[in-house]
Amino acid sequence: MLKATAIHKSYGNLHILKGVDLEVAKGEIVAIVGASGAGKSSLLNILGTLDKPDAGRLFFNGHELSSMNSTQLSNFRNRKIGFIFQFHHLLAEFTALENVCIPAFIAGTAKGVAEARAMELLDMLGLSDRTTHKPNQLSGGEQQRVAVARALINKPDLIFADEPSGNLDSANARELHELFIRLRRDFDQTFVIVTHNEDLSNLSDRKVTMKDGLIIS
């Protein structure tokens, strides 16, 4: 599904990525691990088209993404990719239901259709009684599950997660990890996850270890 070849990225004089190659198959859960500063998040941002490499090529289902302009890439991200971050980034003034619906509205989905899909996801994630609550009325685990529903609303082919359980206690982290496994099992969902959490990386199908801007195993 995803193929990156010879990815390089520098920020000023810092050469962060030094020729990274990576392939991800449909339905696979890939964990990217390594010490802080290894280049994990920089790679994830490039794989998710949030940032551009200085050199290298990126393919999604055989189509090279570097030929897309910024508008095309935005549409691609909105329809094909979901993002989950360490901090939920929910909009404080909106309810859980409204937060989940936002990517669908951006994609042009009708309000009724988007809300029905959002309700279905929130129910699946055990949040059917929290749909009208705003983020400050939700626990940390609930906030992150709302963020997961938001990532799933447009039925993306691929979900990128950057330290998704890094801000959760051990019980909520374990629940989130089990949710990823269930989503893969039930929906053949594909995940690329940057994590320091050993339990999550051990649950993944494949562990990719980075060091000094390179994949070493």
N, C-alpha and C. Protein backbone atom coordinates (compact mmCIF):
# COMPACT_ATOMS: atom_id res chain seq x y z
N MET A 1 0.82 -1.21 0.00
CA MET A 1 0.00 0.00 0.00
C MET A 1 0.86 1.26 0.00
N LEU A 2 1.89 1.28 0.85
CA LEU A 2 2.74 2.45 0.99
C LEU A 2 4.19 2.05 0.76
N LYS A 3 4.89 2.85 -0.04
CA LYS A 3 6.30 2.57 -0.32
C LYS A 3 7.07 3.88 -0.33
N ALA A 4 8.11 3.93 0.50
CA ALA A 4 9.00 5.09 0.54
C ALA A 4 10.40 4.62 0.16
N THR A 5 11.06 5.36 -0.70
CA THR A 5 12.40 4.98 -1.14
C THR A 5 13.35 6.15 -1.01
N ALA A 6 14.49 5.89 -0.36
CA ALA A 6 15.60 6.84 -0.25
C ALA A 6 15.16 8.22 0.24
N ILE A 7 14.40 8.23 1.36
CA ILE A 7 13.86 9.48 1.89
C ILE A 7 14.95 10.20 2.70
N HIS A 8 15.21 11.45 2.30
CA HIS A 8 16.13 12.33 3.02
C HIS A 8 15.38 13.56 3.50
N LYS A 9 15.75 14.04 4.70
CA LYS A 9 15.16 15.28 5.20
C LYS A 9 16.14 15.97 6.13
N SER A 10 16.34 17.26 5.89
CA SER A 10 17.19 18.08 6.75
C SER A 10 16.40 19.29 7.23
N TYR A 11 16.72 19.72 8.43
CA TYR A 11 16.19 20.98 8.96
C TYR A 11 17.40 21.84 9.32
N GLY A 12 17.68 22.82 8.48
CA GLY A 12 18.91 23.59 8.67
C GLY A 12 20.11 22.69 8.45
N ASN A 13 21.01 22.66 9.41
CA ASN A 13 22.21 21.83 9.30
C ASN A 13 22.00 20.42 9.83
N LEU A 14 20.80 20.13 10.33
CA LEU A 14 20.53 18.81 10.90
C LEU A 14 19.98 17.89 9.82
N HIS A 15 20.73 16.84 9.50
CA HIS A 15 20.30 15.83 8.53
C HIS A 15 19.52 14.77 9.31
N ILE A 16 18.19 14.87 9.29
CA ILE A 16 17.35 14.05 10.16
C ILE A 16 17.12 12.66 9.58
N LEU A 17 16.77 12.58 8.28
CA LEU A 17 16.54 11.30 7.61
C LEU A 17 17.58 11.13 6.53
N LYS A 18 18.21 9.95 6.49
CA LYS A 18 19.43 9.79 5.70
C LYS A 18 19.31 8.67 4.66
N GLY A 19 18.15 8.60 4.03
CA GLY A 19 17.96 7.58 2.99
C GLY A 19 17.13 6.42 3.48
N VAL A 20 15.90 6.70 3.92
CA VAL A 20 15.03 5.69 4.52
C VAL A 20 14.20 4.99 3.45
N ASP A 21 14.17 3.67 3.50
CA ASP A 21 13.30 2.85 2.66
C ASP A 21 12.30 2.12 3.55
N LEU A 22 11.03 2.13 3.17
CA LEU A 22 10.02 1.44 3.98
C LEU A 22 8.85 1.06 3.10
N GLU A 23 8.32 -0.15 3.32
CA GLU A 23 7.09 -0.59 2.66
C GLU A 23 6.10 -1.05 3.72
N VAL A 24 4.83 -0.74 3.49
CA VAL A 24 3.76 -1.13 4.40
C VAL A 24 2.66 -1.81 3.58
N ALA A 25 2.26 -3.00 4.00
CA ALA A 25 1.23 -3.76 3.28
C ALA A 25 -0.15 -3.44 3.86
N LYS A 26 -1.18 -3.63 3.06
CA LYS A 26 -2.55 -3.43 3.52
C LYS A 26 -2.85 -4.38 4.68
N GLY A 27 -3.52 -3.85 5.71
CA GLY A 27 -3.91 -4.66 6.85
C GLY A 27 -2.80 -4.91 7.85
N GLU A 28 -1.68 -4.24 7.68
CA GLU A 28 -0.53 -4.46 8.56
C GLU A 28 -0.48 -3.38 9.64
N ILE A 29 -0.04 -3.77 10.82
CA ILE A 29 0.25 -2.82 11.89
C ILE A 29 1.77 -2.76 12.04
N VAL A 30 2.34 -1.62 11.69
CA VAL A 30 3.79 -1.43 11.75
C VAL A 30 4.10 -0.43 12.85
N ALA A 31 4.96 -0.82 13.78
CA ALA A 31 5.42 0.08 14.83
C ALA A 31 6.81 0.59 14.49
N ILE A 32 7.00 1.90 14.56
CA ILE A 32 8.31 2.50 14.35
C ILE A 32 8.85 2.91 15.71
N VAL A 33 9.99 2.33 16.09
CA VAL A 33 10.54 2.55 17.41
C VAL A 33 11.97 3.08 17.30
N GLY A 34 12.48 3.57 18.42
CA GLY A 34 13.84 4.10 18.46
C GLY A 34 13.93 5.21 19.46
N ALA A 35 15.14 5.62 19.79
CA ALA A 35 15.36 6.67 20.77
C ALA A 35 14.84 8.01 20.25
N SER A 36 14.61 8.94 21.17
CA SER A 36 14.24 10.29 20.77
C SER A 36 15.33 10.87 19.88
N GLY A 37 14.91 11.55 18.80
CA GLY A 37 15.86 12.13 17.87
C GLY A 37 16.29 11.20 16.76
N ALA A 38 15.73 9.98 16.73
CA ALA A 38 16.11 9.03 15.69
C ALA A 38 15.52 9.36 14.33
N GLY A 39 14.47 10.21 14.31
CA GLY A 39 13.83 10.59 13.05
C GLY A 39 12.46 9.98 12.85
N LYS A 40 11.90 9.36 13.89
CA LYS A 40 10.64 8.64 13.76
C LYS A 40 9.48 9.56 13.35
N SER A 41 9.29 10.64 14.10
CA SER A 41 8.17 11.54 13.81
C SER A 41 8.37 12.27 12.49
N SER A 42 9.61 12.60 12.18
CA SER A 42 9.88 13.25 10.88
C SER A 42 9.50 12.32 9.74
N LEU A 43 9.83 11.04 9.88
CA LEU A 43 9.46 10.06 8.86
C LEU A 43 7.95 9.94 8.77
N LEU A 44 7.27 9.87 9.92
CA LEU A 44 5.82 9.73 9.91
C LEU A 44 5.16 10.91 9.22
N ASN A 45 5.66 12.12 9.48
CA ASN A 45 5.09 13.31 8.84
C ASN A 45 5.26 13.28 7.33
N ILE A 46 6.37 12.73 6.86
CA ILE A 46 6.59 12.62 5.42
C ILE A 46 5.73 11.52 4.82
N LEU A 47 5.64 10.38 5.49
CA LEU A 47 4.79 9.29 5.01
C LEU A 47 3.33 9.74 4.93
N GLY A 48 2.92 10.59 5.88
CA GLY A 48 1.55 11.08 5.90
C GLY A 48 1.31 12.33 5.07
N THR A 49 2.33 12.75 4.31
CA THR A 49 2.30 13.92 3.41
C THR A 49 2.06 15.23 4.16
N LEU A 50 2.33 15.25 5.47
CA LEU A 50 2.27 16.50 6.22
C LEU A 50 3.52 17.33 5.98
N ASP A 51 4.59 16.68 5.54
CA ASP A 51 5.85 17.34 5.23
C ASP A 51 6.41 16.70 3.96
N LYS A 52 7.30 17.42 3.30
CA LYS A 52 7.88 16.90 2.06
C LYS A 52 9.34 16.52 2.28
N PRO A 53 9.79 15.43 1.67
CA PRO A 53 11.21 15.08 1.77
C PRO A 53 12.06 15.99 0.91
N ASP A 54 13.33 16.11 1.27
CA ASP A 54 14.27 16.85 0.42
C ASP A 54 14.66 16.01 -0.80
N ALA A 55 14.64 14.70 -0.61
CA ALA A 55 14.94 13.77 -1.70
C ALA A 55 14.25 12.46 -1.39
N GLY A 56 14.01 11.66 -2.43
CA GLY A 56 13.33 10.39 -2.25
C GLY A 56 11.95 10.40 -2.89
N ARG A 57 11.31 9.24 -2.89
CA ARG A 57 10.02 9.10 -3.54
C ARG A 57 9.04 8.37 -2.62
N LEU A 58 7.76 8.74 -2.73
CA LEU A 58 6.71 8.17 -1.90
C LEU A 58 5.56 7.72 -2.79
N PHE A 59 5.15 6.46 -2.62
CA PHE A 59 4.09 5.89 -3.45
C PHE A 59 2.96 5.38 -2.54
N PHE A 60 1.73 5.58 -3.02
CA PHE A 60 0.55 5.06 -2.32
C PHE A 60 -0.26 4.27 -3.33
N ASN A 61 -0.39 2.96 -3.09
CA ASN A 61 -1.06 2.06 -4.03
C ASN A 61 -0.54 2.24 -5.46
N GLY A 62 0.77 2.40 -5.55
CA GLY A 62 1.42 2.48 -6.85
C GLY A 62 1.48 3.85 -7.47
N HIS A 63 0.81 4.84 -6.87
CA HIS A 63 0.79 6.19 -7.42
C HIS A 63 1.80 7.06 -6.67
N GLU A 64 2.65 7.74 -7.41
CA GLU A 64 3.64 8.60 -6.76
C GLU A 64 2.97 9.89 -6.29
N LEU A 65 3.21 10.23 -5.02
CA LEU A 65 2.54 11.37 -4.41
C LEU A 65 3.25 12.70 -4.68
N SER A 66 4.52 12.64 -5.05
CA SER A 66 5.27 13.88 -5.24
C SER A 66 4.75 14.70 -6.42
N SER A 67 3.99 14.09 -7.31
CA SER A 67 3.45 14.81 -8.46
C SER A 67 2.20 15.62 -8.12
N MET A 68 1.66 15.43 -6.91
CA MET A 68 0.44 16.14 -6.52
C MET A 68 0.77 17.55 -6.04
N ASN A 69 -0.12 18.50 -6.34
CA ASN A 69 0.03 19.84 -5.78
C ASN A 69 -0.57 19.87 -4.38
N SER A 70 -0.48 21.01 -3.70
CA SER A 70 -0.90 21.08 -2.30
C SER A 70 -2.39 20.81 -2.12
N THR A 71 -3.21 21.28 -3.05
CA THR A 71 -4.65 21.03 -2.96
C THR A 71 -4.96 19.54 -3.13
N GLN A 72 -4.32 18.91 -4.10
CA GLN A 72 -4.52 17.48 -4.32
C GLN A 72 -4.06 16.67 -3.11
N LEU A 73 -2.93 17.08 -2.51
CA LEU A 73 -2.44 16.37 -1.33
C LEU A 73 -3.40 16.54 -0.15
N SER A 74 -3.97 17.72 0.01
CA SER A 74 -4.93 17.94 1.08
C SER A 74 -6.15 17.04 0.92
N ASN A 75 -6.64 16.94 -0.31
CA ASN A 75 -7.78 16.06 -0.58
C ASN A 75 -7.42 14.60 -0.36
N PHE A 76 -6.21 14.23 -0.76
CA PHE A 76 -5.73 12.86 -0.56
C PHE A 76 -5.69 12.53 0.93
N ARG A 77 -5.11 13.42 1.73
CA ARG A 77 -5.03 13.19 3.18
C ARG A 77 -6.41 13.06 3.79
N ASN A 78 -7.31 13.94 3.39
CA ASN A 78 -8.64 13.95 3.97
C ASN A 78 -9.41 12.66 3.69
N ARG A 79 -9.21 12.09 2.51
CA ARG A 79 -10.00 10.93 2.10
C ARG A 79 -9.31 9.59 2.34
N LYS A 80 -8.01 9.58 2.32
CA LYS A 80 -7.29 8.30 2.35
C LYS A 80 -6.54 8.02 3.64
N ILE A 81 -6.30 9.07 4.45
CA ILE A 81 -5.44 8.92 5.62
C ILE A 81 -6.13 9.46 6.86
N GLY A 82 -5.93 8.75 7.98
CA GLY A 82 -6.37 9.24 9.28
C GLY A 82 -5.16 9.46 10.16
N PHE A 83 -5.25 10.44 11.05
CA PHE A 83 -4.14 10.76 11.94
C PHE A 83 -4.60 10.71 13.39
N ILE A 84 -3.75 10.12 14.22
CA ILE A 84 -3.96 10.11 15.67
C ILE A 84 -2.64 10.55 16.30
N PHE A 85 -2.72 11.57 17.17
CA PHE A 85 -1.50 12.11 17.77
C PHE A 85 -1.50 11.86 19.28
N GLN A 86 -0.38 12.16 19.92
CA GLN A 86 -0.27 11.97 21.37
C GLN A 86 -1.31 12.83 22.09
N PHE A 87 -1.47 14.07 21.63
CA PHE A 87 -2.49 14.96 22.18
C PHE A 87 -3.66 14.97 21.20
N HIS A 88 -4.85 14.84 21.74
CA HIS A 88 -6.02 14.55 20.91
C HIS A 88 -6.35 15.64 19.88
N HIS A 89 -5.99 16.89 20.14
CA HIS A 89 -6.27 18.01 19.23
C HIS A 89 -7.76 18.14 18.90
N LEU A 90 -8.61 17.81 19.86
CA LEU A 90 -10.04 18.06 19.68
C LEU A 90 -10.31 19.56 19.84
N LEU A 91 -11.30 20.06 19.13
CA LEU A 91 -11.65 21.47 19.22
C LEU A 91 -12.55 21.68 20.44
N ALA A 92 -12.10 22.54 21.34
CA ALA A 92 -12.71 22.65 22.67
C ALA A 92 -14.17 23.10 22.62
N GLU A 93 -14.53 23.89 21.60
CA GLU A 93 -15.88 24.47 21.56
C GLU A 93 -16.91 23.53 20.95
N PHE A 94 -16.46 22.38 20.45
CA PHE A 94 -17.36 21.45 19.79
C PHE A 94 -17.56 20.18 20.62
N THR A 95 -18.71 19.55 20.46
CA THR A 95 -18.99 18.28 21.15
C THR A 95 -18.19 17.15 20.52
N ALA A 96 -18.22 16.00 21.19
CA ALA A 96 -17.55 14.82 20.65
C ALA A 96 -18.07 14.49 19.25
N LEU A 97 -19.39 14.51 19.10
CA LEU A 97 -20.00 14.21 17.80
C LEU A 97 -19.53 15.20 16.74
N GLU A 98 -19.53 16.47 17.07
CA GLU A 98 -19.13 17.49 16.10
C GLU A 98 -17.65 17.36 15.73
N ASN A 99 -16.81 17.07 16.71
CA ASN A 99 -15.39 16.88 16.43
C ASN A 99 -15.17 15.72 15.46
N VAL A 100 -15.88 14.64 15.67
CA VAL A 100 -15.73 13.48 14.79
C VAL A 100 -16.19 13.80 13.37
N CYS A 101 -17.21 14.62 13.25
CA CYS A 101 -17.79 14.92 11.94
C CYS A 101 -16.93 15.85 11.09
N ILE A 102 -16.05 16.62 11.69
CA ILE A 102 -15.34 17.68 10.96
C ILE A 102 -14.66 17.19 9.68
N PRO A 103 -13.85 16.09 9.70
CA PRO A 103 -13.23 15.65 8.45
C PRO A 103 -14.25 15.26 7.37
N ALA A 104 -15.40 14.71 7.81
CA ALA A 104 -16.44 14.35 6.84
C ALA A 104 -17.04 15.58 6.21
N PHE A 105 -17.27 16.62 7.01
CA PHE A 105 -17.80 17.87 6.46
C PHE A 105 -16.81 18.47 5.46
N ILE A 106 -15.51 18.42 5.79
CA ILE A 106 -14.49 18.95 4.87
C ILE A 106 -14.52 18.18 3.55
N ALA A 107 -14.81 16.88 3.63
CA ALA A 107 -14.86 16.05 2.42
C ALA A 107 -16.15 16.25 1.63
N GLY A 108 -17.08 17.05 2.17
CA GLY A 108 -18.32 17.33 1.46
C GLY A 108 -19.44 16.35 1.76
N THR A 109 -19.30 15.55 2.81
CA THR A 109 -20.35 14.60 3.18
C THR A 109 -21.54 15.34 3.76
N ALA A 110 -22.73 14.91 3.38
CA ALA A 110 -23.95 15.53 3.89
C ALA A 110 -24.02 15.41 5.40
N LYS A 111 -24.60 16.40 6.07
CA LYS A 111 -24.62 16.46 7.53
C LYS A 111 -25.24 15.20 8.14
N GLY A 112 -26.37 14.77 7.62
CA GLY A 112 -27.04 13.60 8.17
C GLY A 112 -26.21 12.34 8.03
N VAL A 113 -25.57 12.19 6.87
CA VAL A 113 -24.74 11.01 6.63
C VAL A 113 -23.52 11.01 7.55
N ALA A 114 -22.89 12.19 7.67
CA ALA A 114 -21.71 12.31 8.53
C ALA A 114 -22.06 12.02 9.99
N GLU A 115 -23.17 12.56 10.46
CA GLU A 115 -23.55 12.35 11.85
C GLU A 115 -23.92 10.90 12.12
N ALA A 116 -24.55 10.25 11.16
CA ALA A 116 -24.88 8.83 11.33
C ALA A 116 -23.62 7.98 11.42
N ARG A 117 -22.65 8.26 10.57
CA ARG A 117 -21.38 7.54 10.61
C ARG A 117 -20.65 7.83 11.92
N ALA A 118 -20.65 9.08 12.35
CA ALA A 118 -19.99 9.44 13.61
C ALA A 118 -20.64 8.74 14.80
N MET A 119 -21.94 8.69 14.82
CA MET A 119 -22.65 8.01 15.91
C MET A 119 -22.31 6.52 15.92
N GLU A 120 -22.23 5.94 14.75
CA GLU A 120 -21.88 4.52 14.63
C GLU A 120 -20.48 4.27 15.21
N LEU A 121 -19.54 5.15 14.89
CA LEU A 121 -18.17 4.99 15.39
C LEU A 121 -18.10 5.21 16.90
N LEU A 122 -18.76 6.25 17.38
CA LEU A 122 -18.72 6.53 18.81
C LEU A 122 -19.37 5.40 19.60
N ASP A 123 -20.42 4.83 19.06
CA ASP A 123 -21.06 3.68 19.71
C ASP A 123 -20.10 2.48 19.74
N MET A 124 -19.43 2.24 18.63
CA MET A 124 -18.47 1.13 18.55
C MET A 124 -17.34 1.30 19.56
N LEU A 125 -16.98 2.56 19.83
CA LEU A 125 -15.89 2.86 20.74
C LEU A 125 -16.36 3.06 22.18
N GLY A 126 -17.62 2.73 22.44
CA GLY A 126 -18.14 2.81 23.80
C GLY A 126 -18.43 4.21 24.28
N LEU A 127 -18.74 5.12 23.35
CA LEU A 127 -18.93 6.53 23.70
C LEU A 127 -20.32 7.03 23.31
N SER A 128 -21.28 6.14 23.16
CA SER A 128 -22.60 6.56 22.70
C SER A 128 -23.30 7.48 23.70
N ASP A 129 -22.89 7.43 24.97
CA ASP A 129 -23.50 8.30 25.97
C ASP A 129 -22.68 9.57 26.21
N ARG A 130 -21.66 9.81 25.36
CA ARG A 130 -20.80 10.97 25.54
C ARG A 130 -20.79 11.88 24.30
N THR A 131 -21.72 11.66 23.40
CA THR A 131 -21.67 12.36 22.11
C THR A 131 -21.87 13.87 22.24
N THR A 132 -22.62 14.31 23.24
CA THR A 132 -22.89 15.74 23.39
C THR A 132 -21.91 16.42 24.35
N HIS A 133 -20.94 15.67 24.85
CA HIS A 133 -19.97 16.24 25.78
C HIS A 133 -18.84 16.91 25.02
N LYS A 134 -18.36 18.02 25.58
CA LYS A 134 -17.19 18.70 25.01
C LYS A 134 -15.91 18.09 25.59
N PRO A 135 -14.78 18.32 24.93
CA PRO A 135 -13.54 17.66 25.35
C PRO A 135 -13.22 17.80 26.83
N ASN A 136 -13.48 18.97 27.43
CA ASN A 136 -13.13 19.14 28.84
C ASN A 136 -14.06 18.38 29.78
N GLN A 137 -15.10 17.76 29.23
CA GLN A 137 -16.00 16.93 30.01
C GLN A 137 -15.69 15.44 29.85
N LEU A 138 -14.63 15.14 29.11
CA LEU A 138 -14.25 13.75 28.85
C LEU A 138 -12.94 13.42 29.54
N SER A 139 -12.77 12.14 29.88
CA SER A 139 -11.50 11.69 30.44
C SER A 139 -10.46 11.62 29.33
N GLY A 140 -9.19 11.46 29.72
CA GLY A 140 -8.13 11.36 28.72
C GLY A 140 -8.35 10.21 27.76
N GLY A 141 -8.75 9.06 28.28
CA GLY A 141 -9.02 7.91 27.41
C GLY A 141 -10.18 8.16 26.47
N GLU A 142 -11.22 8.82 26.98
CA GLU A 142 -12.38 9.14 26.13
C GLU A 142 -12.00 10.14 25.05
N GLN A 143 -11.22 11.14 25.41
CA GLN A 143 -10.77 12.11 24.41
C GLN A 143 -10.01 11.42 23.28
N GLN A 144 -9.14 10.49 23.62
CA GLN A 144 -8.34 9.82 22.59
C GLN A 144 -9.21 8.90 21.74
N ARG A 145 -10.23 8.30 22.33
CA ARG A 145 -11.14 7.47 21.53
C ARG A 145 -11.97 8.33 20.56
N VAL A 146 -12.33 9.54 20.99
CA VAL A 146 -12.99 10.47 20.07
C VAL A 146 -12.05 10.80 18.91
N ALA A 147 -10.77 11.00 19.22
CA ALA A 147 -9.78 11.28 18.17
C ALA A 147 -9.65 10.09 17.22
N VAL A 148 -9.76 8.87 17.74
CA VAL A 148 -9.73 7.68 16.89
C VAL A 148 -10.95 7.67 15.96
N ALA A 149 -12.12 7.96 16.51
CA ALA A 149 -13.33 8.01 15.68
C ALA A 149 -13.19 9.07 14.58
N ARG A 150 -12.62 10.22 14.94
CA ARG A 150 -12.40 11.28 13.94
C ARG A 150 -11.47 10.78 12.83
N ALA A 151 -10.44 10.02 13.21
CA ALA A 151 -9.51 9.49 12.21
C ALA A 151 -10.18 8.49 11.29
N LEU A 152 -11.23 7.83 11.78
CA LEU A 152 -11.89 6.76 11.01
C LEU A 152 -13.08 7.25 10.19
N ILE A 153 -13.54 8.48 10.41
CA ILE A 153 -14.83 8.93 9.87
C ILE A 153 -14.90 8.83 8.36
N ASN A 154 -13.80 9.08 7.65
CA ASN A 154 -13.83 9.04 6.19
C ASN A 154 -13.39 7.69 5.62
N LYS A 155 -13.38 6.68 6.48
CA LYS A 155 -12.99 5.32 6.09
C LYS A 155 -11.63 5.32 5.37
N PRO A 156 -10.59 5.81 6.06
CA PRO A 156 -9.27 5.92 5.42
C PRO A 156 -8.66 4.55 5.16
N ASP A 157 -7.78 4.51 4.17
CA ASP A 157 -7.05 3.28 3.88
C ASP A 157 -5.95 3.05 4.91
N LEU A 158 -5.42 4.13 5.47
CA LEU A 158 -4.22 4.04 6.29
C LEU A 158 -4.32 5.04 7.44
N ILE A 159 -3.95 4.59 8.64
CA ILE A 159 -3.94 5.48 9.79
C ILE A 159 -2.52 5.61 10.32
N PHE A 160 -2.08 6.86 10.50
CA PHE A 160 -0.80 7.16 11.12
C PHE A 160 -1.05 7.60 12.56
N ALA A 161 -0.27 7.05 13.48
CA ALA A 161 -0.41 7.42 14.89
C ALA A 161 0.96 7.75 15.45
N ASP A 162 1.06 8.92 16.07
CA ASP A 162 2.33 9.39 16.64
C ASP A 162 2.21 9.41 18.16
N GLU A 163 2.81 8.43 18.82
CA GLU A 163 2.74 8.27 20.28
C GLU A 163 1.29 8.35 20.76
N PRO A 164 0.38 7.53 20.20
CA PRO A 164 -1.04 7.69 20.50
C PRO A 164 -1.42 7.44 21.95
N SER A 165 -0.61 6.63 22.66
CA SER A 165 -0.92 6.35 24.06
C SER A 165 0.05 7.04 25.01
N GLY A 166 0.86 7.95 24.47
CA GLY A 166 1.89 8.60 25.27
C GLY A 166 1.36 9.50 26.36
N ASN A 167 0.11 9.94 26.24
CA ASN A 167 -0.47 10.85 27.22
C ASN A 167 -1.52 10.15 28.09
N LEU A 168 -1.55 8.81 28.04
CA LEU A 168 -2.57 8.04 28.75
C LEU A 168 -1.94 7.22 29.88
N ASP A 169 -2.76 6.93 30.90
CA ASP A 169 -2.29 6.03 31.94
C ASP A 169 -2.27 4.60 31.39
N SER A 170 -1.71 3.68 32.16
CA SER A 170 -1.47 2.33 31.64
C SER A 170 -2.77 1.62 31.25
N ALA A 171 -3.84 1.82 32.03
CA ALA A 171 -5.10 1.14 31.72
C ALA A 171 -5.70 1.66 30.42
N ASN A 172 -5.73 2.99 30.26
CA ASN A 172 -6.27 3.56 29.03
C ASN A 172 -5.38 3.26 27.83
N ALA A 173 -4.07 3.22 28.06
CA ALA A 173 -3.14 2.87 26.97
C ALA A 173 -3.41 1.46 26.49
N ARG A 174 -3.57 0.54 27.42
CA ARG A 174 -3.83 -0.86 27.05
C ARG A 174 -5.15 -0.97 26.27
N GLU A 175 -6.16 -0.22 26.71
CA GLU A 175 -7.45 -0.24 26.02
C GLU A 175 -7.31 0.28 24.59
N LEU A 176 -6.52 1.35 24.42
CA LEU A 176 -6.31 1.90 23.08
C LEU A 176 -5.56 0.92 22.20
N HIS A 177 -4.56 0.26 22.74
CA HIS A 177 -3.79 -0.72 21.97
C HIS A 177 -4.69 -1.86 21.51
N GLU A 178 -5.53 -2.34 22.40
CA GLU A 178 -6.46 -3.42 22.04
C GLU A 178 -7.44 -2.97 20.97
N LEU A 179 -7.82 -1.69 21.02
CA LEU A 179 -8.71 -1.13 20.00
C LEU A 179 -8.06 -1.18 18.62
N PHE A 180 -6.78 -0.84 18.54
CA PHE A 180 -6.09 -0.91 17.25
C PHE A 180 -6.11 -2.33 16.69
N ILE A 181 -5.86 -3.30 17.56
CA ILE A 181 -5.87 -4.70 17.12
C ILE A 181 -7.25 -5.09 16.62
N ARG A 182 -8.29 -4.64 17.34
CA ARG A 182 -9.67 -4.97 16.94
C ARG A 182 -10.02 -4.32 15.61
N LEU A 183 -9.60 -3.08 15.40
CA LEU A 183 -9.88 -2.40 14.14
C LEU A 183 -9.20 -3.09 12.97
N ARG A 184 -8.00 -3.57 13.19
CA ARG A 184 -7.33 -4.32 12.13
C ARG A 184 -8.06 -5.63 11.84
N ARG A 185 -8.46 -6.30 12.92
CA ARG A 185 -9.14 -7.59 12.76
C ARG A 185 -10.50 -7.44 12.07
N ASP A 186 -11.28 -6.45 12.51
CA ASP A 186 -12.65 -6.31 12.03
C ASP A 186 -12.75 -5.58 10.69
N PHE A 187 -11.81 -4.64 10.42
CA PHE A 187 -11.93 -3.79 9.24
C PHE A 187 -10.70 -3.84 8.33
N ASP A 188 -9.75 -4.72 8.65
CA ASP A 188 -8.52 -4.82 7.87
C ASP A 188 -7.83 -3.46 7.79
N GLN A 189 -7.90 -2.71 8.90
CA GLN A 189 -7.33 -1.38 8.95
C GLN A 189 -5.80 -1.44 9.02
N THR A 190 -5.15 -0.56 8.31
CA THR A 190 -3.69 -0.49 8.27
C THR A 190 -3.20 0.63 9.18
N PHE A 191 -2.17 0.35 9.98
CA PHE A 191 -1.64 1.34 10.91
C PHE A 191 -0.13 1.44 10.76
N VAL A 192 0.37 2.67 10.83
CA VAL A 192 1.80 2.93 11.04
C VAL A 192 1.89 3.77 12.30
N ILE A 193 2.56 3.23 13.32
CA ILE A 193 2.52 3.83 14.65
C ILE A 193 3.93 4.11 15.15
N VAL A 194 4.20 5.37 15.46
CA VAL A 194 5.43 5.72 16.16
C VAL A 194 5.15 5.61 17.65
N THR A 195 5.97 4.85 18.37
CA THR A 195 5.70 4.65 19.79
C THR A 195 6.96 4.33 20.57
N HIS A 196 6.96 4.78 21.83
CA HIS A 196 7.96 4.34 22.80
C HIS A 196 7.40 3.23 23.68
N ASN A 197 6.11 2.92 23.50
CA ASN A 197 5.45 1.94 24.35
C ASN A 197 5.78 0.52 23.88
N GLU A 198 6.49 -0.19 24.73
CA GLU A 198 6.95 -1.53 24.34
C GLU A 198 5.79 -2.49 24.14
N ASP A 199 4.75 -2.36 24.96
CA ASP A 199 3.60 -3.25 24.82
C ASP A 199 2.94 -3.08 23.45
N LEU A 200 2.79 -1.82 23.02
CA LEU A 200 2.17 -1.57 21.73
C LEU A 200 3.05 -2.07 20.59
N SER A 201 4.33 -1.83 20.67
CA SER A 201 5.22 -2.28 19.59
C SER A 201 5.25 -3.81 19.52
N ASN A 202 5.13 -4.47 20.67
CA ASN A 202 5.13 -5.94 20.67
C ASN A 202 3.83 -6.51 20.12
N LEU A 203 2.73 -5.75 20.19
CA LEU A 203 1.46 -6.20 19.63
C LEU A 203 1.42 -6.05 18.12
N SER A 204 2.31 -5.24 17.58
CA SER A 204 2.30 -4.96 16.14
C SER A 204 2.78 -6.16 15.34
N ASP A 205 2.46 -6.15 14.05
CA ASP A 205 2.92 -7.23 13.17
C ASP A 205 4.42 -7.13 12.91
N ARG A 206 4.91 -5.89 12.91
CA ARG A 206 6.32 -5.67 12.56
C ARG A 206 6.83 -4.46 13.31
N LYS A 207 8.04 -4.58 13.80
CA LYS A 207 8.68 -3.49 14.53
C LYS A 207 9.85 -2.99 13.70
N VAL A 208 9.80 -1.70 13.33
CA VAL A 208 10.85 -1.07 12.55
C VAL A 208 11.65 -0.18 13.49
N THR A 209 12.93 -0.45 13.63
CA THR A 209 13.77 0.30 14.56
C THR A 209 14.62 1.32 13.82
N MET A 210 14.56 2.58 14.31
CA MET A 210 15.33 3.65 13.69
C MET A 210 16.44 4.12 14.64
N LYS A 211 17.53 4.55 14.02
CA LYS A 211 18.64 5.12 14.78
C LYS A 211 19.39 6.10 13.88
N ASP A 212 19.58 7.31 14.37
CA ASP A 212 20.35 8.32 13.64
C ASP A 212 19.87 8.51 12.20
N GLY A 213 18.54 8.53 12.02
CA GLY A 213 17.98 8.85 10.72
C GLY A 213 17.92 7.71 9.73
N LEU A 214 18.17 6.49 10.21
CA LEU A 214 18.14 5.31 9.34
C LEU A 214 17.35 4.19 10.00
N ILE A 215 16.77 3.32 9.18
CA ILE A 215 16.17 2.10 9.71
C ILE A 215 17.29 1.07 9.84
N ILE A 216 17.46 0.58 11.07
CA ILE A 216 18.55 -0.37 11.33
C ILE A 216 18.05 -1.81 11.47
N SER A 217 16.74 -1.99 11.66
CA SER A 217 16.20 -3.36 11.68
C SER A 217 14.70 -3.31 11.47
